[in-house]
Amino acid sequence: MAVPNVAKLVEKCIDMTDDAIQTARELATHASDIKHLQDDMDKMLENMKVMQATLSAIDKTLSEARGGWKVLMLVGGASSVVGAGLVQLVNWYAGGK
């Protein structure tokens, strides 16, 4: 009767070994997947830093352009006032003679 018990124990050990090997394979696969995901996240983080720097440069350029538009509007408004004043002076001068 001892022989069937030994056979069952050996079979049970083999099943446990197969389960352990399967678990080790799954853990190795998961570890590899996690490593790839971490690499992808690192690349995405680097890309986000580059995009953030680009957006800062665009924002700076636009803020400088906004100031430039204000100066252009000031120059345009001032030249309109000067032009209208000259036309008014010519009209008064020509109308007076």
Protein backbone atom coordinates (compact mmCIF):
# COMPACT_ATOMS: atom_id res chain seq x y z
CA MET A 1 0.00 0.00 0.00
CA ALA A 2 2.92 2.32 0.40
CA VAL A 3 3.56 2.32 -3.31
CA PRO A 4 0.30 4.02 -4.34
CA ASN A 5 0.87 6.74 -1.75
CA VAL A 6 4.40 7.39 -3.06
CA ALA A 7 3.06 7.57 -6.62
CA LYS A 8 0.42 10.05 -5.55
CA LEU A 9 3.03 12.15 -3.74
CA VAL A 10 5.33 12.13 -6.78
CA GLU A 11 2.44 13.09 -9.05
CA LYS A 12 1.44 15.87 -6.65
CA CYS A 13 5.04 17.18 -6.57
CA ILE A 14 5.20 17.16 -10.36
CA ASP A 15 1.92 19.10 -10.52
CA MET A 16 3.26 21.61 -7.99
CA THR A 17 6.47 21.97 -9.97
CA ASP A 18 4.50 22.56 -13.17
CA ASP A 19 2.43 25.19 -11.36
CA ALA A 20 5.58 26.85 -10.03
CA ILE A 21 7.12 26.89 -13.52
CA GLN A 22 3.91 28.32 -14.98
CA THR A 23 3.81 31.00 -12.27
CA ALA A 24 7.46 31.88 -12.90
CA ARG A 25 6.76 32.21 -16.64
CA GLU A 26 3.78 34.46 -15.97
CA LEU A 27 5.81 36.62 -13.59
CA ALA A 28 8.61 36.94 -16.13
CA THR A 29 6.10 37.91 -18.80
CA HIS A 30 4.50 40.49 -16.52
CA ALA A 31 7.90 41.88 -15.56
CA SER A 32 8.77 42.25 -19.23
CA ASP A 33 5.44 43.96 -19.94
CA ILE A 34 5.96 46.34 -17.03
CA LYS A 35 9.46 47.18 -18.29
CA HIS A 36 8.08 48.00 -21.76
CA LEU A 37 5.30 50.12 -20.25
CA GLN A 38 7.82 51.99 -18.12
CA ASP A 39 10.00 52.65 -21.18
CA ASP A 40 6.95 53.95 -23.07
CA MET A 41 6.02 56.21 -20.16
CA ASP A 42 9.58 57.58 -20.02
CA LYS A 43 9.42 58.37 -23.74
CA MET A 44 6.04 60.04 -23.31
CA LEU A 45 7.38 62.12 -20.42
CA GLU A 46 10.32 63.23 -22.53
CA ASN A 47 8.00 64.13 -25.41
CA MET A 48 5.76 66.09 -23.05
CA LYS A 49 8.77 68.09 -21.82
CA VAL A 50 9.70 68.93 -25.43
CA MET A 51 6.10 69.94 -26.20
CA GLN A 52 5.96 72.09 -23.06
CA ALA A 53 9.16 73.89 -24.10
CA THR A 54 7.75 74.40 -27.60
CA LEU A 55 4.50 75.79 -26.21
CA SER A 56 6.45 78.18 -23.99
CA ALA A 57 8.37 79.42 -27.02
CA ILE A 58 5.13 79.87 -28.97
CA ASP A 59 3.54 81.72 -26.04
CA LYS A 60 6.57 84.01 -25.77
CA THR A 61 6.46 84.74 -29.50
CA LEU A 62 2.75 85.50 -29.37
CA SER A 63 3.13 87.78 -26.36
CA GLU A 64 5.85 89.69 -28.20
CA ALA A 65 3.63 89.88 -31.27
CA ARG A 66 0.78 91.23 -29.12
CA GLY A 67 3.07 94.04 -27.96
CA GLY A 68 4.08 94.65 -31.56
CA TRP A 69 0.45 94.97 -32.63
CA LYS A 70 -0.15 97.53 -29.88
CA VAL A 71 2.77 99.62 -31.09
CA LEU A 72 1.55 99.38 -34.68
CA MET A 73 -1.92 100.51 -33.63
CA LEU A 74 -0.42 103.43 -31.70
CA VAL A 75 1.68 104.49 -34.70
CA GLY A 76 -1.30 104.10 -37.03
CA GLY A 77 -3.58 106.11 -34.75
CA ALA A 78 -0.99 108.86 -34.28
CA SER A 79 -0.35 109.13 -38.02
CA SER A 80 -4.12 109.34 -38.62
CA VAL A 81 -4.39 112.21 -36.15
CA VAL A 82 -1.44 114.01 -37.76
CA GLY A 83 -2.85 113.44 -41.27
CA ALA A 84 -6.30 114.67 -40.25
CA GLY A 85 -4.73 117.72 -38.58
CA LEU A 86 -2.77 118.55 -41.73
CA VAL A 87 -5.88 118.24 -43.88
CA GLN A 88 -7.76 120.53 -41.48
CA LEU A 89 -4.92 123.11 -41.55
CA VAL A 90 -4.81 123.05 -45.35
CA ASN A 91 -8.59 123.45 -45.45
CA TRP A 92 -8.50 126.42 -43.06
CA TYR A 93 -5.56 127.98 -44.87
CA ALA A 94 -7.07 127.53 -48.35
CA GLY A 95 -10.49 128.64 -47.16
CA GLY A 96 -9.04 131.79 -45.59
CA LYS A 97 -7.54 133.16 -48.88
